[in-house]
């Protein structure tokens, strides 16, 4: 049992301490931004008592996704690069649609 515990401690040290650098800090910041989109969406939905997706969700998605893409490129992780890269198009498109909708509402006096 102590051998398993020792192996686990060694693994945790290697993963969280030995390879800790500025890129890992960037990765944690990026992940925190990406996670905030869910917090923002949850709070907005609770306040409205229905499921809503506020604009801030898409801005956190874009910021977190862009930083995670930078992190993934630095780590040379093709799965992560593809996933975050494709996600950025969705976030940008949603923000574009929201901007167009707001512009149309202003033009139409809404």
PDB file of N, CA and C in Angstrom:
ATOM      1  N   UNK A   1       0.824  -1.196   0.000  1.00  0.00           N
ATOM      2  CA  UNK A   1       0.000   0.000   0.000  1.00  0.00           C
ATOM      3  C   UNK A   1       0.866   1.257   0.000  1.00  0.00           C
ATOM      4  N   UNK A   2       1.938   1.264   0.787  1.00  0.00           N
ATOM      5  CA  UNK A   2       2.819   2.435   0.820  1.00  0.00           C
ATOM      6  C   UNK A   2       3.532   2.617  -0.512  1.00  0.00           C
ATOM      7  N   UNK A   3       3.758   1.520  -1.237  1.00  0.00           N
ATOM      8  CA  UNK A   3       4.389   1.616  -2.558  1.00  0.00           C
ATOM      9  C   UNK A   3       3.451   2.343  -3.534  1.00  0.00           C
ATOM     10  N   UNK A   4       2.165   2.030  -3.468  1.00  0.00           N
ATOM     11  CA  UNK A   4       1.181   2.697  -4.327  1.00  0.00           C
ATOM     12  C   UNK A   4       1.089   4.175  -3.961  1.00  0.00           C
ATOM     13  N   UNK A   5       1.043   4.464  -2.667  1.00  0.00           N
ATOM     14  CA  UNK A   5       0.977   5.846  -2.203  1.00  0.00           C
ATOM     15  C   UNK A   5       2.221   6.618  -2.640  1.00  0.00           C
ATOM     16  N   UNK A   6       3.378   5.987  -2.523  1.00  0.00           N
ATOM     17  CA  UNK A   6       4.629   6.625  -2.950  1.00  0.00           C
ATOM     18  C   UNK A   6       4.638   6.892  -4.441  1.00  0.00           C
ATOM     19  N   UNK A   7       4.150   5.936  -5.225  1.00  0.00           N
ATOM     20  CA  UNK A   7       4.063   6.119  -6.682  1.00  0.00           C
ATOM     21  C   UNK A   7       3.114   7.256  -7.028  1.00  0.00           C
ATOM     22  N   UNK A   8       2.001   7.326  -6.310  1.00  0.00           N
ATOM     23  CA  UNK A   8       1.039   8.398  -6.547  1.00  0.00           C
ATOM     24  C   UNK A   8       1.655   9.757  -6.223  1.00  0.00           C
ATOM     25  N   UNK A   9       2.360   9.845  -5.105  1.00  0.00           N
ATOM     26  CA  UNK A   9       3.011  11.103  -4.740  1.00  0.00           C
ATOM     27  C   UNK A   9       4.064  11.505  -5.766  1.00  0.00           C
ATOM     28  N   UNK A  10       4.826  10.551  -6.254  1.00  0.00           N
ATOM     29  CA  UNK A  10       5.834  10.833  -7.282  1.00  0.00           C
ATOM     30  C   UNK A  10       5.158  11.346  -8.544  1.00  0.00           C
ATOM     31  N   UNK A  11       4.074  10.685  -8.944  1.00  0.00           N
ATOM     32  CA  UNK A  11       3.339  11.098 -10.142  1.00  0.00           C
ATOM     33  C   UNK A  11       2.783  12.514  -9.969  1.00  0.00           C
ATOM     34  N   UNK A  12       2.161  12.788  -8.817  1.00  0.00           N
ATOM     35  CA  UNK A  12       1.619  14.123  -8.556  1.00  0.00           C
ATOM     36  C   UNK A  12       2.718  15.180  -8.581  1.00  0.00           C
ATOM     37  N   UNK A  13       3.853  14.874  -8.012  1.00  0.00           N
ATOM     38  CA  UNK A  13       4.994  15.800  -8.033  1.00  0.00           C
ATOM     39  C   UNK A  13       5.435  16.063  -9.460  1.00  0.00           C
ATOM     40  N   UNK A  14       5.561  15.007 -10.255  1.00  0.00           N
ATOM     41  CA  UNK A  14       5.996  15.157 -11.640  1.00  0.00           C
ATOM     42  C   UNK A  14       5.006  15.987 -12.457  1.00  0.00           C
ATOM     43  N   UNK A  15       3.730  15.751 -12.252  1.00  0.00           N
ATOM     44  CA  UNK A  15       2.699  16.440 -13.037  1.00  0.00           C
ATOM     45  C   UNK A  15       2.525  17.883 -12.590  1.00  0.00           C
ATOM     46  N   UNK A  16       2.456  18.130 -11.281  1.00  0.00           N
ATOM     47  CA  UNK A  16       2.103  19.455 -10.793  1.00  0.00           C
ATOM     48  C   UNK A  16       3.284  20.324 -10.369  1.00  0.00           C
ATOM     49  N   UNK A  17       4.416  19.748 -10.062  1.00  0.00           N
ATOM     50  CA  UNK A  17       5.548  20.535  -9.574  1.00  0.00           C
ATOM     51  C   UNK A  17       6.698  20.570 -10.590  1.00  0.00           C
ATOM     52  N   UNK A  18       7.155  19.418 -11.004  1.00  0.00           N
ATOM     53  CA  UNK A  18       8.336  19.344 -11.863  1.00  0.00           C
ATOM     54  C   UNK A  18       8.157  20.091 -13.174  1.00  0.00           C
ATOM     55  N   UNK A  19       6.989  19.980 -13.787  1.00  0.00           N
ATOM     56  CA  UNK A  19       6.807  20.636 -15.081  1.00  0.00           C
ATOM     57  C   UNK A  19       6.107  21.997 -14.974  1.00  0.00           C
ATOM     58  N   UNK A  20       5.999  22.536 -13.750  1.00  0.00           N
ATOM     59  CA  UNK A  20       5.354  23.833 -13.553  1.00  0.00           C
ATOM     60  C   UNK A  20       6.224  24.933 -14.125  1.00  0.00           C
ATOM     61  N   UNK A  21       5.647  25.704 -15.051  1.00  0.00           N
ATOM     62  CA  UNK A  21       6.355  26.833 -15.646  1.00  0.00           C
ATOM     63  C   UNK A  21       5.328  27.876 -16.076  1.00  0.00           C
ATOM     64  N   UNK A  22       5.777  28.887 -16.798  1.00  0.00           N
ATOM     65  CA  UNK A  22       4.873  29.957 -17.214  1.00  0.00           C
ATOM     66  C   UNK A  22       3.773  29.435 -18.135  1.00  0.00           C
ATOM     67  N   UNK A  23       4.072  28.416 -18.931  1.00  0.00           N
ATOM     68  CA  UNK A  23       3.050  27.849 -19.815  1.00  0.00           C
ATOM     69  C   UNK A  23       1.939  27.168 -19.018  1.00  0.00           C
ATOM     70  N   UNK A  24       2.298  26.530 -17.946  1.00  0.00           N
ATOM     71  CA  UNK A  24       1.284  25.897 -17.095  1.00  0.00           C
ATOM     72  C   UNK A  24       0.421  26.974 -16.442  1.00  0.00           C
ATOM     73  N   UNK A  25       1.037  28.075 -16.020  1.00  0.00           N
ATOM     74  CA  UNK A  25       0.280  29.196 -15.456  1.00  0.00           C
ATOM     75  C   UNK A  25      -0.709  29.718 -16.505  1.00  0.00           C
ATOM     76  N   UNK A  26      -0.235  29.906 -17.753  1.00  0.00           N
ATOM     77  CA  UNK A  26      -1.122  30.347 -18.825  1.00  0.00           C
ATOM     78  C   UNK A  26      -2.260  29.351 -19.024  1.00  0.00           C
ATOM     79  N   UNK A  27      -1.953  28.073 -18.993  1.00  0.00           N
ATOM     80  CA  UNK A  27      -2.977  27.043 -19.145  1.00  0.00           C
ATOM     81  C   UNK A  27      -4.032  27.121 -18.056  1.00  0.00           C
ATOM     82  N   UNK A  28      -3.607  27.328 -16.822  1.00  0.00           N
ATOM     83  CA  UNK A  28      -4.562  27.458 -15.717  1.00  0.00           C
ATOM     84  C   UNK A  28      -5.424  28.721 -15.851  1.00  0.00           C
ATOM     85  N   UNK A  29      -4.815  29.825 -16.261  1.00  0.00           N
ATOM     86  CA  UNK A  29      -5.576  31.062 -16.482  1.00  0.00           C
ATOM     87  C   UNK A  29      -6.587  30.860 -17.599  1.00  0.00           C
ATOM     88  N   UNK A  30      -6.138  30.248 -18.685  1.00  0.00           N
ATOM     89  CA  UNK A  30      -7.033  29.984 -19.815  1.00  0.00           C
ATOM     90  C   UNK A  30      -8.194  29.093 -19.394  1.00  0.00           C
ATOM     91  N   UNK A  31      -7.897  28.051 -18.650  1.00  0.00           N
ATOM     92  CA  UNK A  31      -8.944  27.139 -18.206  1.00  0.00           C
ATOM     93  C   UNK A  31      -9.922  27.840 -17.269  1.00  0.00           C
ATOM     94  N   UNK A  32      -9.419  28.736 -16.429  1.00  0.00           N
ATOM     95  CA  UNK A  32     -10.293  29.486 -15.524  1.00  0.00           C
ATOM     96  C   UNK A  32     -11.237  30.396 -16.321  1.00  0.00           C
ATOM     97  N   UNK A  33     -10.707  31.078 -17.342  1.00  0.00           N
ATOM     98  CA  UNK A  33     -11.557  31.911 -18.188  1.00  0.00           C
ATOM     99  C   UNK A  33     -12.612  31.064 -18.886  1.00  0.00           C
ATOM    100  N   UNK A  34     -12.195  29.930 -19.400  1.00  0.00           N
ATOM    101  CA  UNK A  34     -13.109  29.045 -20.112  1.00  0.00           C
ATOM    102  C   UNK A  34     -14.191  28.535 -19.163  1.00  0.00           C
ATOM    103  N   UNK A  35     -13.824  28.225 -17.931  1.00  0.00           N
ATOM    104  CA  UNK A  35     -14.782  27.746 -16.952  1.00  0.00           C
ATOM    105  C   UNK A  35     -15.768  28.847 -16.549  1.00  0.00           C
ATOM    106  N   UNK A  36     -15.316  30.090 -16.534  1.00  0.00           N
ATOM    107  CA  UNK A  36     -16.183  31.198 -16.126  1.00  0.00           C
ATOM    108  C   UNK A  36     -17.403  31.330 -17.013  1.00  0.00           C
ATOM    109  N   UNK A  37     -17.317  30.876 -18.258  1.00  0.00           N
ATOM    110  CA  UNK A  37     -18.481  30.973 -19.135  1.00  0.00           C
ATOM    111  C   UNK A  37     -19.646  30.176 -18.562  1.00  0.00           C
ATOM    112  N   UNK A  38     -19.342  29.030 -17.944  1.00  0.00           N
ATOM    113  CA  UNK A  38     -20.401  28.212 -17.357  1.00  0.00           C
ATOM    114  C   UNK A  38     -20.957  28.866 -16.094  1.00  0.00           C
ATOM    115  N   UNK A  39     -20.102  29.506 -15.326  1.00  0.00           N
ATOM    116  CA  UNK A  39     -20.548  30.211 -14.123  1.00  0.00           C
ATOM    117  C   UNK A  39     -21.472  31.360 -14.521  1.00  0.00           C
ATOM    118  N   UNK A  40     -21.066  32.136 -15.524  1.00  0.00           N
ATOM    119  CA  UNK A  40     -21.871  33.264 -15.999  1.00  0.00           C
ATOM    120  C   UNK A  40     -23.227  32.766 -16.514  1.00  0.00           C
ATOM    121  N   UNK A  41     -23.210  31.689 -17.280  1.00  0.00           N
ATOM    122  CA  UNK A  41     -24.451  31.140 -17.834  1.00  0.00           C
ATOM    123  C   UNK A  41     -25.360  30.630 -16.722  1.00  0.00           C
ATOM    124  N   UNK A  42     -24.781  29.971 -15.751  1.00  0.00           N
ATOM    125  CA  UNK A  42     -25.551  29.428 -14.633  1.00  0.00           C
ATOM    126  C   UNK A  42     -26.207  30.550 -13.825  1.00  0.00           C
ATOM    127  N   UNK A  43     -25.437  31.580 -13.492  1.00  0.00           N
ATOM    128  CA  UNK A  43     -25.964  32.699 -12.704  1.00  0.00           C
ATOM    129  C   UNK A  43     -27.078  33.405 -13.478  1.00  0.00           C
ATOM    130  N   UNK A  44     -26.857  33.648 -14.774  1.00  0.00           N
ATOM    131  CA  UNK A  44     -27.886  34.313 -15.583  1.00  0.00           C
ATOM    132  C   UNK A  44     -29.158  33.475 -15.649  1.00  0.00           C
ATOM    133  N   UNK A  45     -29.016  32.177 -15.781  1.00  0.00           N
ATOM    134  CA  UNK A  45     -30.181  31.289 -15.835  1.00  0.00           C
ATOM    135  C   UNK A  45     -30.918  31.258 -14.504  1.00  0.00           C
ATOM    136  N   UNK A  46     -30.175  31.227 -13.415  1.00  0.00           N
ATOM    137  CA  UNK A  46     -30.813  31.238 -12.097  1.00  0.00           C
ATOM    138  C   UNK A  46     -31.588  32.529 -11.874  1.00  0.00           C
ATOM    139  N   UNK A  47     -31.023  33.637 -12.286  1.00  0.00           N
ATOM    140  CA  UNK A  47     -31.706  34.929 -12.111  1.00  0.00           C
ATOM    141  C   UNK A  47     -32.980  34.994 -12.954  1.00  0.00           C
ATOM    142  N   UNK A  48     -32.915  34.464 -14.179  1.00  0.00           N
ATOM    143  CA  UNK A  48     -34.062  34.511 -15.084  1.00  0.00           C
ATOM    144  C   UNK A  48     -35.056  33.380 -14.825  1.00  0.00           C
ATOM    145  N   UNK A  49     -34.652  32.413 -14.032  1.00  0.00           N
ATOM    146  CA  UNK A  49     -35.474  31.225 -13.756  1.00  0.00           C
ATOM    147  C   UNK A  49     -35.793  30.447 -15.040  1.00  0.00           C
ATOM    148  N   UNK A  50     -34.873  30.554 -16.022  1.00  0.00           N
ATOM    149  CA  UNK A  50     -34.960  29.786 -17.263  1.00  0.00           C
ATOM    150  C   UNK A  50     -33.558  29.735 -17.856  1.00  0.00           C
ATOM    151  N   UNK A  51     -33.341  28.854 -18.786  1.00  0.00           N
ATOM    152  CA  UNK A  51     -32.010  28.727 -19.380  1.00  0.00           C
ATOM    153  C   UNK A  51     -31.754  29.877 -20.348  1.00  0.00           C
ATOM    154  N   UNK A  52     -30.704  30.636 -20.082  1.00  0.00           N
ATOM    155  CA  UNK A  52     -30.302  31.735 -20.959  1.00  0.00           C
ATOM    156  C   UNK A  52     -28.800  31.655 -21.199  1.00  0.00           C
ATOM    157  N   UNK A  53     -28.380  32.218 -22.325  1.00  0.00           N
ATOM    158  CA  UNK A  53     -26.955  32.278 -22.647  1.00  0.00           C
ATOM    159  C   UNK A  53     -26.600  33.753 -22.834  1.00  0.00           C
ATOM    160  N   UNK A  54     -26.011  34.386 -21.820  1.00  0.00           N
ATOM    161  CA  UNK A  54     -25.667  35.807 -21.927  1.00  0.00           C
ATOM    162  C   UNK A  54     -24.475  36.021 -22.869  1.00  0.00           C
ATOM    163  N   UNK A  55     -24.339  37.235 -23.351  1.00  0.00           N
ATOM    164  CA  UNK A  55     -23.239  37.579 -24.255  1.00  0.00           C
ATOM    165  C   UNK A  55     -21.893  37.300 -23.588  1.00  0.00           C
ATOM    166  N   UNK A  56     -21.811  37.517 -22.291  1.00  0.00           N
ATOM    167  CA  UNK A  56     -20.549  37.265 -21.573  1.00  0.00           C
ATOM    168  C   UNK A  56     -20.093  35.812 -21.738  1.00  0.00           C
ATOM    169  N   UNK A  57     -21.028  34.889 -21.887  1.00  0.00           N
ATOM    170  CA  UNK A  57     -20.683  33.483 -22.119  1.00  0.00           C
ATOM    171  C   UNK A  57     -19.794  33.361 -23.347  1.00  0.00           C
ATOM    172  N   UNK A  58     -20.165  34.057 -24.422  1.00  0.00           N
ATOM    173  CA  UNK A  58     -19.400  33.961 -25.671  1.00  0.00           C
ATOM    174  C   UNK A  58     -18.058  34.682 -25.561  1.00  0.00           C
ATOM    175  N   UNK A  59     -18.004  35.783 -24.806  1.00  0.00           N
ATOM    176  CA  UNK A  59     -16.715  36.462 -24.621  1.00  0.00           C
ATOM    177  C   UNK A  59     -15.755  35.615 -23.776  1.00  0.00           C
ATOM    178  N   UNK A  60     -16.261  34.996 -22.715  1.00  0.00           N
ATOM    179  CA  UNK A  60     -15.412  34.094 -21.937  1.00  0.00           C
ATOM    180  C   UNK A  60     -14.998  32.882 -22.772  1.00  0.00           C
ATOM    181  N   UNK A  61     -15.907  32.387 -23.606  1.00  0.00           N
ATOM    182  CA  UNK A  61     -15.580  31.268 -24.490  1.00  0.00           C
ATOM    183  C   UNK A  61     -14.447  31.655 -25.433  1.00  0.00           C
ATOM    184  N   UNK A  62     -14.553  32.833 -26.023  1.00  0.00           N
ATOM    185  CA  UNK A  62     -13.541  33.300 -26.970  1.00  0.00           C
ATOM    186  C   UNK A  62     -12.194  33.523 -26.286  1.00  0.00           C
ATOM    187  N   UNK A  63     -12.196  34.215 -25.153  1.00  0.00           N
ATOM    188  CA  UNK A  63     -10.934  34.492 -24.451  1.00  0.00           C
ATOM    189  C   UNK A  63     -10.292  33.211 -23.935  1.00  0.00           C
ATOM    190  N   UNK A  64     -11.077  32.389 -23.259  1.00  0.00           N
ATOM    191  CA  UNK A  64     -10.536  31.131 -22.746  1.00  0.00           C
ATOM    192  C   UNK A  64     -10.104  30.202 -23.855  1.00  0.00           C
ATOM    193  N   UNK A  65     -10.926  30.091 -24.911  1.00  0.00           N
ATOM    194  CA  UNK A  65     -10.587  29.216 -26.035  1.00  0.00           C
ATOM    195  C   UNK A  65      -9.332  29.662 -26.759  1.00  0.00           C
ATOM    196  N   UNK A  66      -9.176  30.980 -26.942  1.00  0.00           N
ATOM    197  CA  UNK A  66      -7.978  31.495 -27.629  1.00  0.00           C
ATOM    198  C   UNK A  66      -6.719  31.202 -26.810  1.00  0.00           C
ATOM    199  N   UNK A  67      -6.777  31.449 -25.502  1.00  0.00           N
ATOM    200  CA  UNK A  67      -5.604  31.156 -24.664  1.00  0.00           C
ATOM    201  C   UNK A  67      -5.335  29.656 -24.582  1.00  0.00           C
ATOM    202  N   UNK A  68      -6.397  28.848 -24.527  1.00  0.00           N
ATOM    203  CA  UNK A  68      -6.196  27.400 -24.522  1.00  0.00           C
ATOM    204  C   UNK A  68      -5.594  26.927 -25.845  1.00  0.00           C
ATOM    205  N   UNK A  69      -5.966  27.574 -26.952  1.00  0.00           N
ATOM    206  CA  UNK A  69      -5.361  27.224 -28.246  1.00  0.00           C
ATOM    207  C   UNK A  69      -3.872  27.549 -28.244  1.00  0.00           C
ATOM    208  N   UNK A  70      -3.500  28.706 -27.725  1.00  0.00           N
ATOM    209  CA  UNK A  70      -2.074  29.063 -27.620  1.00  0.00           C
ATOM    210  C   UNK A  70      -1.345  28.012 -26.782  1.00  0.00           C
ATOM    211  N   UNK A  71      -1.934  27.647 -25.663  1.00  0.00           N
ATOM    212  CA  UNK A  71      -1.351  26.635 -24.777  1.00  0.00           C
ATOM    213  C   UNK A  71      -1.219  25.296 -25.510  1.00  0.00           C
ATOM    214  N   UNK A  72      -2.265  24.894 -26.224  1.00  0.00           N
ATOM    215  CA  UNK A  72      -2.250  23.618 -26.946  1.00  0.00           C
ATOM    216  C   UNK A  72      -1.198  23.610 -28.047  1.00  0.00           C
ATOM    217  N   UNK A  73      -1.041  24.744 -28.739  1.00  0.00           N
ATOM    218  CA  UNK A  73      -0.018  24.846 -29.785  1.00  0.00           C
ATOM    219  C   UNK A  73       1.362  24.700 -29.168  1.00  0.00           C
ATOM    220  N   UNK A  74       1.592  25.376 -28.037  1.00  0.00           N
ATOM    221  CA  UNK A  74       2.896  25.280 -27.378  1.00  0.00           C
ATOM    222  C   UNK A  74       3.162  23.853 -26.932  1.00  0.00           C
ATOM    223  N   UNK A  75       2.136  23.143 -26.484  1.00  0.00           N
ATOM    224  CA  UNK A  75       2.280  21.757 -26.019  1.00  0.00           C
ATOM    225  C   UNK A  75       2.271  20.759 -27.177  1.00  0.00           C
ATOM    226  N   UNK A  76       1.982  21.263 -28.396  1.00  0.00           N
ATOM    227  CA  UNK A  76       1.941  20.432 -29.605  1.00  0.00           C
ATOM    228  C   UNK A  76       0.961  19.263 -29.457  1.00  0.00           C
ATOM    229  N   UNK A  77      -0.242  19.585 -28.989  1.00  0.00           N
ATOM    230  CA  UNK A  77      -1.283  18.585 -28.773  1.00  0.00           C
ATOM    231  C   UNK A  77      -2.329  18.712 -29.890  1.00  0.00           C
ATOM    232  N   UNK A  78      -2.311  17.817 -30.880  1.00  0.00           N
ATOM    233  CA  UNK A  78      -3.196  17.968 -32.040  1.00  0.00           C
ATOM    234  C   UNK A  78      -4.684  17.879 -31.696  1.00  0.00           C
ATOM    235  N   UNK A  79      -5.050  17.058 -30.730  1.00  0.00           N
ATOM    236  CA  UNK A  79      -6.457  16.921 -30.352  1.00  0.00           C
ATOM    237  C   UNK A  79      -6.956  18.230 -29.742  1.00  0.00           C
ATOM    238  N   UNK A  80      -6.178  18.780 -28.844  1.00  0.00           N
ATOM    239  CA  UNK A  80      -6.515  20.024 -28.162  1.00  0.00           C
ATOM    240  C   UNK A  80      -6.519  21.198 -29.150  1.00  0.00           C
ATOM    241  N   UNK A  81      -5.540  21.222 -30.071  1.00  0.00           N
ATOM    242  CA  UNK A  81      -5.453  22.283 -31.078  1.00  0.00           C
ATOM    243  C   UNK A  81      -6.698  22.279 -31.949  1.00  0.00           C
ATOM    244  N   UNK A  82      -7.069  21.125 -32.447  1.00  0.00           N
ATOM    245  CA  UNK A  82      -8.242  21.020 -33.313  1.00  0.00           C
ATOM    246  C   UNK A  82      -9.520  21.403 -32.569  1.00  0.00           C
ATOM    247  N   UNK A  83      -9.674  20.884 -31.362  1.00  0.00           N
ATOM    248  CA  UNK A  83     -10.877  21.177 -30.584  1.00  0.00           C
ATOM    249  C   UNK A  83     -11.031  22.650 -30.275  1.00  0.00           C
ATOM    250  N   UNK A  84      -9.980  23.288 -29.792  1.00  0.00           N
ATOM    251  CA  UNK A  84     -10.065  24.712 -29.446  1.00  0.00           C
ATOM    252  C   UNK A  84     -10.118  25.578 -30.694  1.00  0.00           C
ATOM    253  N   UNK A  85      -9.387  25.192 -31.725  1.00  0.00           N
ATOM    254  CA  UNK A  85      -9.393  25.974 -32.966  1.00  0.00           C
ATOM    255  C   UNK A  85     -10.769  26.029 -33.596  1.00  0.00           C
ATOM    256  N   UNK A  86     -11.446  24.901 -33.685  1.00  0.00           N
ATOM    257  CA  UNK A  86     -12.793  24.873 -34.264  1.00  0.00           C
ATOM    258  C   UNK A  86     -13.791  25.608 -33.382  1.00  0.00           C
ATOM    259  N   UNK A  87     -13.621  25.497 -32.072  1.00  0.00           N
ATOM    260  CA  UNK A  87     -14.518  26.196 -31.155  1.00  0.00           C
ATOM    261  C   UNK A  87     -14.479  27.706 -31.342  1.00  0.00           C
ATOM    262  N   UNK A  88     -13.304  28.250 -31.657  1.00  0.00           N
ATOM    263  CA  UNK A  88     -13.179  29.697 -31.832  1.00  0.00           C
ATOM    264  C   UNK A  88     -14.095  30.213 -32.938  1.00  0.00           C
ATOM    265  N   UNK A  89     -14.251  29.447 -34.011  1.00  0.00           N
ATOM    266  CA  UNK A  89     -15.150  29.862 -35.089  1.00  0.00           C
ATOM    267  C   UNK A  89     -16.595  29.972 -34.589  1.00  0.00           C
ATOM    268  N   UNK A  90     -17.003  29.044 -33.754  1.00  0.00           N
ATOM    269  CA  UNK A  90     -18.367  29.065 -33.212  1.00  0.00           C
ATOM    270  C   UNK A  90     -18.567  30.277 -32.313  1.00  0.00           C
ATOM    271  N   UNK A  91     -17.589  30.557 -31.452  1.00  0.00           N
ATOM    272  CA  UNK A  91     -17.709  31.693 -30.536  1.00  0.00           C
ATOM    273  C   UNK A  91     -17.767  33.012 -31.305  1.00  0.00           C
ATOM    274  N   UNK A  92     -16.887  33.153 -32.296  1.00  0.00           N
ATOM    275  CA  UNK A  92     -16.862  34.377 -33.105  1.00  0.00           C
ATOM    276  C   UNK A  92     -18.169  34.519 -33.878  1.00  0.00           C
ATOM    277  N   UNK A  93     -18.657  33.435 -34.457  1.00  0.00           N
ATOM    278  CA  UNK A  93     -19.911  33.486 -35.218  1.00  0.00           C
ATOM    279  C   UNK A  93     -21.077  33.899 -34.322  1.00  0.00           C
ATOM    280  N   UNK A  94     -21.148  33.371 -33.125  1.00  0.00           N
ATOM    281  CA  UNK A  94     -22.229  33.753 -32.216  1.00  0.00           C
ATOM    282  C   UNK A  94     -22.144  35.224 -31.840  1.00  0.00           C
ATOM    283  N   UNK A  95     -20.951  35.718 -31.570  1.00  0.00           N
ATOM    284  CA  UNK A  95     -20.801  37.143 -31.259  1.00  0.00           C
ATOM    285  C   UNK A  95     -21.175  38.000 -32.467  1.00  0.00           C
ATOM    286  N   UNK A  96     -20.837  37.542 -33.662  1.00  0.00           N
ATOM    287  CA  UNK A  96     -21.191  38.251 -34.898  1.00  0.00           C
ATOM    288  C   UNK A  96     -22.719  38.322 -35.043  1.00  0.00           C
ATOM    289  N   UNK A  97     -23.396  37.187 -34.815  1.00  0.00           N
ATOM    290  CA  UNK A  97     -24.860  37.145 -34.913  1.00  0.00           C
ATOM    291  C   UNK A  97     -25.508  38.070 -33.889  1.00  0.00           C
ATOM    292  N   UNK A  98     -24.975  38.093 -32.681  1.00  0.00           N
ATOM    293  CA  UNK A  98     -25.511  38.967 -31.626  1.00  0.00           C
ATOM    294  C   UNK A  98     -25.321  40.428 -32.017  1.00  0.00           C
ATOM    295  N   UNK A  99     -24.148  40.776 -32.539  1.00  0.00           N
ATOM    296  CA  UNK A  99     -23.887  42.160 -32.961  1.00  0.00           C
ATOM    297  C   UNK A  99     -24.829  42.565 -34.089  1.00  0.00           C
ATOM    298  N   UNK A 100     -25.046  41.685 -35.057  1.00  0.00           N
ATOM    299  CA  UNK A 100     -25.963  41.986 -36.165  1.00  0.00           C
ATOM    300  C   UNK A 100     -27.395  42.166 -35.672  1.00  0.00           C
ATOM    301  N   UNK A 101     -27.802  41.335 -34.717  1.00  0.00           N
ATOM    302  CA  UNK A 101     -29.148  41.437 -34.157  1.00  0.00           C
ATOM    303  C   UNK A 101     -29.327  42.765 -33.425  1.00  0.00           C
ATOM    304  N   UNK A 102     -28.334  43.155 -32.664  1.00  0.00           N
ATOM    305  CA  UNK A 102     -28.422  44.429 -31.929  1.00  0.00           C
ATOM    306  C   UNK A 102     -28.423  45.619 -32.885  1.00  0.00           C
ATOM    307  N   UNK A 103     -27.626  45.517 -33.950  1.00  0.00           N
ATOM    308  CA  UNK A 103     -27.605  46.597 -34.934  1.00  0.00           C
ATOM    309  C   UNK A 103     -28.968  46.712 -35.617  1.00  0.00           C
ATOM    310  N   UNK A 104     -29.557  45.593 -35.974  1.00  0.00           N
ATOM    311  CA  UNK A 104     -30.886  45.605 -36.614  1.00  0.00           C
ATOM    312  C   UNK A 104     -31.940  46.178 -35.673  1.00  0.00           C
ATOM    313  N   UNK A 105     -31.835  45.883 -34.391  1.00  0.00           N
ATOM    314  CA  UNK A 105     -32.796  46.414 -33.412  1.00  0.00           C
ATOM    315  C   UNK A 105     -32.665  47.935 -33.309  1.00  0.00           C
ATOM    316  N   UNK A 106     -31.421  48.445 -33.358  1.00  0.00           N
ATOM    317  CA  UNK A 106     -31.215  49.903 -33.305  1.00  0.00           C
ATOM    318  C   UNK A 106     -31.776  50.581 -34.545  1.00  0.00           C
ATOM    319  N   UNK A 107     -31.548  49.967 -35.701  1.00  0.00           N
ATOM    320  CA  UNK A 107     -32.031  50.540 -36.959  1.00  0.00           C
ATOM    321  C   UNK A 107     -33.551  50.551 -37.002  1.00  0.00           C
ATOM    322  N   UNK A 108     -34.154  49.485 -36.471  1.00  0.00           N
ATOM    323  CA  UNK A 108     -35.615  49.360 -36.483  1.00  0.00           C
ATOM    324  C   UNK A 108     -36.278  50.027 -35.285  1.00  0.00           C
ATOM    325  N   UNK A 109     -35.512  50.688 -34.454  1.00  0.00           N
ATOM    326  CA  UNK A 109     -36.062  51.406 -33.309  1.00  0.00           C
ATOM    327  C   UNK A 109     -36.436  50.502 -32.157  1.00  0.00           C
ATOM    328  N   UNK A 110     -35.891  49.285 -32.132  1.00  0.00           N
ATOM    329  CA  UNK A 110     -36.234  48.323 -31.087  1.00  0.00           C
ATOM    330  C   UNK A 110     -35.323  48.408 -29.983  1.00  0.00           C
TER     331      UNK A 110
END
